[in-house]
Amino acid sequence: MSNKRMTSISTISPQQILVRGYDLCEMVGKYTFGDVLYLLMSGELPQKHEGRMIEAILVACSEHSLNAPSTQTSRIVAGCGVAVQTAIAAGINAIGEYHGGAGEACAKILQEAVSENIGTPAADLATRLVNELHQAGIRFPGFGHRFHTPFDPRAERLLALADQWGFRGSHTVLALAITSELKRVTGRDLPLNVDGALAAILSDMGLDWRFSKSVYIVARTAGLAAHVHEEMTTGKPLEFAGKHPFEYTGPAERPLPGV
């Protein structure tokens, strides 16, 4: 058995770098970062507006001010006197199920539902999905937002661009049907947020659901870099962490055993 590692992504030689078979240096200046990101994830260069759509998603997800947990984490770590990459990585590591992970979870649900229920009307499928999660007591990922009500302006803009550039497909149709069903079941407006819009659009572009969080991470890295720089250049050590009042709920002082 050979120990040689295999990859279909890229290869290098002394005078050339091939990415998915295309010369990287020839692409420089001709293709955008969004184009190349799509190439890396799909294996093919954009045929229409895929690169522009990805760049729009990157812009929409790049920054969300100090309320974002990843931003707070990066700034706290930056104030500890670490290297810039350590502070940025700390923020990225804060992206998980409850912050930044809804896009991946939503894309998985949408893609599995569409692929396993070909021919089922979106409204019927939405009813079933919402009922399943509602019965399980699980909040539907990618819908509603604690700050942006009654709608997430980032999602609205991305959906408009998806319509304009021809990326409204079965996944986006299902996602919008879920929005209507959520309102019927809960009585609340729970529209697609930026994570849900990202999930639906990337799915309609043919990208695997596992790339959804990766796209979000690529986008948010830019914002984290700016926050880390600001904290390192204008903040004082440990200033962002601050002193927060707390209440101790443990036991009172106890004697050590045997003393």
Protein backbone atom coordinates (compact mmCIF):
# COMPACT_ATOMS: atom_id res chain seq x y z
CA MET A 1 0.00 0.00 0.00
CA SER A 2 1.33 3.44 -0.96
CA ASN A 3 1.78 6.09 1.75
CA LYS A 4 1.47 8.88 -0.83
CA ARG A 5 -1.10 11.52 0.15
CA MET A 6 -3.71 12.42 -2.46
CA THR A 7 -5.49 15.72 -3.14
CA SER A 8 -7.64 17.00 -5.98
CA ILE A 9 -7.38 20.63 -4.86
CA SER A 10 -3.97 21.85 -5.97
CA THR A 11 -0.39 21.03 -6.89
CA ILE A 12 2.81 23.07 -7.11
CA SER A 13 6.02 23.00 -9.13
CA PRO A 14 8.96 25.45 -9.14
CA GLN A 15 7.28 27.83 -11.60
CA GLN A 16 3.59 27.00 -11.31
CA ILE A 17 0.69 26.62 -8.88
CA LEU A 18 -2.37 24.77 -10.18
CA VAL A 19 -5.67 25.12 -8.33
CA ARG A 20 -8.27 22.62 -9.51
CA GLY A 21 -6.24 22.48 -12.74
CA TYR A 22 -6.12 26.25 -13.30
CA ASP A 23 -2.91 28.31 -13.14
CA LEU A 24 -3.18 30.46 -10.01
CA CYS A 25 -0.95 33.24 -11.37
CA GLU A 26 -3.02 33.46 -14.55
CA MET A 27 -6.13 33.86 -12.41
CA VAL A 28 -4.58 36.71 -10.41
CA GLY A 29 -6.10 39.96 -11.65
CA LYS A 30 -8.69 38.15 -13.78
CA TYR A 31 -10.79 36.45 -11.13
CA THR A 32 -12.07 37.72 -7.80
CA PHE A 33 -11.63 36.11 -4.41
CA GLY A 34 -15.28 35.04 -4.60
CA ASP A 35 -14.60 33.31 -7.92
CA VAL A 36 -11.64 31.41 -6.50
CA LEU A 37 -13.49 30.51 -3.31
CA TYR A 38 -16.23 29.02 -5.45
CA LEU A 39 -13.59 27.17 -7.49
CA LEU A 40 -11.99 25.73 -4.36
CA MET A 41 -15.31 24.57 -2.95
CA SER A 42 -17.06 23.38 -6.12
CA GLY A 43 -14.14 22.32 -8.30
CA GLU A 44 -15.17 24.59 -11.17
CA LEU A 45 -14.83 28.26 -12.07
CA PRO A 46 -18.07 30.28 -12.03
CA GLN A 47 -20.27 29.93 -15.09
CA LYS A 48 -22.36 33.02 -14.31
CA HIS A 49 -22.58 35.08 -11.09
CA GLU A 50 -21.46 32.51 -8.50
CA GLY A 51 -18.38 34.53 -7.55
CA ARG A 52 -20.40 37.74 -7.16
CA MET A 53 -22.96 35.93 -5.02
CA ILE A 54 -20.27 34.52 -2.74
CA GLU A 55 -18.65 37.95 -2.42
CA ALA A 56 -22.02 39.41 -1.45
CA ILE A 57 -22.36 36.74 1.25
CA LEU A 58 -18.84 37.49 2.48
CA VAL A 59 -19.65 41.19 2.80
CA ALA A 60 -22.94 40.48 4.59
CA CYS A 61 -21.25 38.19 7.14
CA SER A 62 -18.04 40.16 7.62
CA GLU A 63 -18.99 42.25 10.64
CA HIS A 64 -21.66 42.51 13.35
CA SER A 65 -20.14 44.87 15.93
CA LEU A 66 -19.30 44.21 19.59
CA ASN A 67 -22.39 42.16 20.39
CA ALA A 68 -21.02 39.15 18.46
CA PRO A 69 -19.44 36.57 20.82
CA SER A 70 -16.58 35.92 18.40
CA THR A 71 -15.74 39.63 18.38
CA GLN A 72 -15.81 39.85 22.16
CA THR A 73 -13.60 36.78 22.43
CA SER A 74 -11.03 38.11 19.98
CA ARG A 75 -10.85 41.46 21.74
CA ILE A 76 -10.53 39.92 25.19
CA VAL A 77 -7.70 37.67 24.01
CA ALA A 78 -6.05 40.54 22.10
CA GLY A 79 -5.88 42.46 25.38
CA CYS A 80 -3.83 39.65 26.93
CA GLY A 81 -0.75 40.50 24.89
CA VAL A 82 -0.84 37.55 22.49
CA ALA A 83 0.08 37.40 18.80
CA VAL A 84 -2.48 38.70 16.30
CA GLN A 85 -3.18 35.25 14.87
CA THR A 86 -3.89 33.91 18.36
CA ALA A 87 -6.51 36.60 19.02
CA ILE A 88 -8.18 36.12 15.63
CA ALA A 89 -8.14 32.33 16.05
CA ALA A 90 -9.76 32.68 19.47
CA GLY A 91 -12.69 34.49 17.89
CA ILE A 92 -12.99 31.88 15.16
CA ASN A 93 -12.96 29.15 17.79
CA ALA A 94 -15.97 30.83 19.42
CA ILE A 95 -18.03 30.14 16.29
CA GLY A 96 -20.16 27.13 17.11
CA GLU A 97 -23.67 25.79 17.33
CA TYR A 98 -25.15 28.91 18.93
CA HIS A 99 -23.06 31.58 17.19
CA GLY A 100 -22.28 31.31 13.48
CA GLY A 101 -23.30 27.68 13.17
CA ALA A 102 -26.93 28.11 12.19
CA GLY A 103 -26.08 28.37 8.49
CA GLU A 104 -24.45 24.95 8.45
CA ALA A 105 -27.31 23.36 10.41
CA CYS A 106 -29.94 24.99 8.20
CA ALA A 107 -28.17 24.00 4.97
CA LYS A 108 -27.99 20.38 6.14
CA ILE A 109 -31.73 20.31 6.82
CA LEU A 110 -32.58 21.98 3.51
CA GLN A 111 -30.31 19.80 1.39
CA GLU A 112 -31.39 16.53 2.97
CA ALA A 113 -35.07 17.49 2.75
CA VAL A 114 -34.88 18.49 -0.92
CA SER A 115 -32.80 15.48 -2.01
CA GLU A 116 -34.97 12.97 -0.14
CA ASN A 117 -38.37 14.43 -1.12
CA ILE A 118 -38.17 15.17 -4.84
CA GLY A 119 -41.58 16.21 -6.13
CA THR A 120 -43.01 17.06 -2.70
CA PRO A 121 -44.52 20.59 -2.68
CA ALA A 122 -42.42 23.03 -0.65
CA ALA A 123 -45.38 23.98 1.56
CA ASP A 124 -46.02 20.36 2.53
CA LEU A 125 -42.36 19.71 3.20
CA ALA A 126 -42.10 22.89 5.27
CA THR A 127 -45.07 21.81 7.38
CA ARG A 128 -43.44 18.47 8.11
CA LEU A 129 -40.02 19.94 8.95
CA VAL A 130 -41.40 22.64 11.24
CA ASN A 131 -43.62 20.13 13.00
CA GLU A 132 -40.72 17.71 13.56
CA LEU A 133 -38.49 20.35 15.12
CA HIS A 134 -41.37 21.92 17.06
CA GLN A 135 -42.33 18.56 18.56
CA ALA A 136 -38.70 17.98 19.51
CA GLY A 137 -38.49 21.42 21.14
CA ILE A 138 -35.70 22.48 18.79
CA ARG A 139 -35.45 26.04 17.48
CA PHE A 140 -35.29 26.01 13.68
CA PRO A 141 -31.75 27.17 12.76
CA GLY A 142 -31.45 30.13 10.40
CA PHE A 143 -34.76 31.83 11.25
CA GLY A 144 -35.44 34.86 13.44
CA HIS A 145 -32.92 37.18 15.08
CA ARG A 146 -32.62 38.63 18.56
CA PHE A 147 -31.59 42.09 17.28
CA HIS A 148 -32.96 42.40 13.76
CA THR A 149 -36.76 42.45 13.82
CA PRO A 150 -39.08 42.06 12.01
CA PHE A 151 -36.48 41.10 9.39
CA ASP A 152 -32.72 40.77 8.99
CA PRO A 153 -31.67 43.41 6.41
CA ARG A 154 -28.65 41.31 5.39
CA ALA A 155 -30.87 38.37 4.49
CA GLU A 156 -33.26 40.59 2.54
CA ARG A 157 -30.40 41.98 0.47
CA LEU A 158 -28.88 38.56 -0.23
CA LEU A 159 -32.24 37.12 -1.27
CA ALA A 160 -32.78 40.06 -3.64
CA LEU A 161 -29.39 39.47 -5.23
CA ALA A 162 -30.07 35.74 -5.48
CA ASP A 163 -33.24 36.57 -7.42
CA GLN A 164 -31.37 39.03 -9.62
CA TRP A 165 -28.52 36.62 -10.41
CA GLY A 166 -30.61 33.49 -10.85
CA PHE A 167 -29.90 31.58 -7.65
CA ARG A 168 -33.41 31.16 -6.28
CA GLY A 169 -33.91 27.41 -6.46
CA SER A 170 -35.66 24.65 -4.55
CA HIS A 171 -33.71 25.24 -1.32
CA THR A 172 -34.58 28.94 -1.16
CA VAL A 173 -38.21 28.20 -2.04
CA LEU A 174 -38.34 25.67 0.81
CA ALA A 175 -36.69 28.11 3.22
CA LEU A 176 -39.30 30.78 2.46
CA ALA A 177 -42.08 28.21 2.87
CA ILE A 178 -40.62 27.37 6.29
CA THR A 179 -40.83 31.06 7.20
CA SER A 180 -44.56 31.05 6.47
CA GLU A 181 -45.08 27.81 8.38
CA LEU A 182 -43.15 29.06 11.41
CA LYS A 183 -45.41 32.10 11.60
CA ARG A 184 -48.51 29.89 11.36
CA VAL A 185 -47.29 27.54 14.11
CA THR A 186 -45.72 30.07 16.50
CA GLY A 187 -47.71 33.19 15.72
CA ARG A 188 -44.44 35.09 15.44
CA ASP A 189 -42.51 36.60 12.56
CA LEU A 190 -39.38 34.43 12.22
CA PRO A 191 -37.98 35.34 8.81
CA LEU A 192 -34.75 34.03 7.35
CA ASN A 193 -31.75 35.59 9.05
CA VAL A 194 -28.36 35.99 7.39
CA ASP A 195 -27.40 32.42 8.33
CA GLY A 196 -30.56 30.99 6.80
CA ALA A 197 -30.17 33.07 3.64
CA LEU A 198 -26.56 31.94 3.32
CA ALA A 199 -27.65 28.33 3.78
CA ALA A 200 -30.41 28.47 1.17
CA ILE A 201 -28.39 30.34 -1.45
CA LEU A 202 -25.21 28.27 -1.13
CA SER A 203 -27.38 25.15 -1.36
CA ASP A 204 -28.99 26.42 -4.56
CA MET A 205 -25.48 27.07 -5.88
CA GLY A 206 -24.73 23.37 -5.43
CA LEU A 207 -22.26 23.68 -2.55
CA ASP A 208 -22.17 20.97 0.12
CA TRP A 209 -23.80 22.03 3.41
CA ARG A 210 -20.48 21.56 5.22
CA PHE A 211 -19.07 24.61 3.43
CA SER A 212 -21.67 26.93 4.97
CA LYS A 213 -19.79 27.48 8.22
CA SER A 214 -16.50 27.77 6.32
CA VAL A 215 -17.86 30.63 4.20
CA TYR A 216 -19.06 32.36 7.38
CA ILE A 217 -15.62 31.91 8.98
CA VAL A 218 -13.82 33.31 5.93
CA ALA A 219 -16.09 36.36 6.04
CA ARG A 220 -15.94 37.00 9.78
CA THR A 221 -12.12 36.71 9.84
CA ALA A 222 -11.93 40.14 8.17
CA GLY A 223 -14.03 41.76 10.88
CA LEU A 224 -12.11 40.01 13.64
CA ALA A 225 -8.82 41.27 12.18
CA ALA A 226 -10.09 44.85 12.40
CA HIS A 227 -11.28 44.42 16.00
CA VAL A 228 -8.03 42.77 17.07
CA HIS A 229 -6.02 45.60 15.52
CA GLU A 230 -8.19 48.22 17.22
CA GLU A 231 -7.86 46.50 20.59
CA MET A 232 -4.09 46.12 20.26
CA THR A 233 -3.51 49.72 19.14
CA THR A 234 -6.06 51.71 21.16
CA GLY A 235 -7.01 49.52 24.11
CA LYS A 236 -5.24 48.97 27.40
CA PRO A 237 -4.15 45.49 28.53
CA LEU A 238 -7.17 43.53 29.79
CA GLU A 239 -9.38 46.60 29.36
CA PHE A 240 -12.01 44.92 27.19
CA ALA A 241 -12.42 42.07 29.66
CA GLY A 242 -13.20 44.64 32.33
CA LYS A 243 -14.39 44.01 35.86
CA HIS A 244 -17.83 42.49 35.93
CA PRO A 245 -19.88 42.19 39.14
CA PHE A 246 -20.80 38.66 40.06
CA GLU A 247 -22.55 36.77 42.81
CA TYR A 248 -20.86 33.77 44.40
CA THR A 249 -23.28 30.84 44.76
CA GLY A 250 -20.89 28.21 46.15
CA PRO A 251 -20.67 27.00 49.76
CA ALA A 252 -19.39 29.15 52.60
CA GLU A 253 -15.86 28.68 53.85
CA ARG A 254 -15.38 25.10 55.08
CA PRO A 255 -12.64 23.53 57.15
CA LEU A 256 -10.28 21.19 55.35
CA PRO A 257 -10.76 17.50 56.18
CA GLY A 258 -8.60 16.36 59.08
CA VAL A 259 -7.61 19.88 60.11
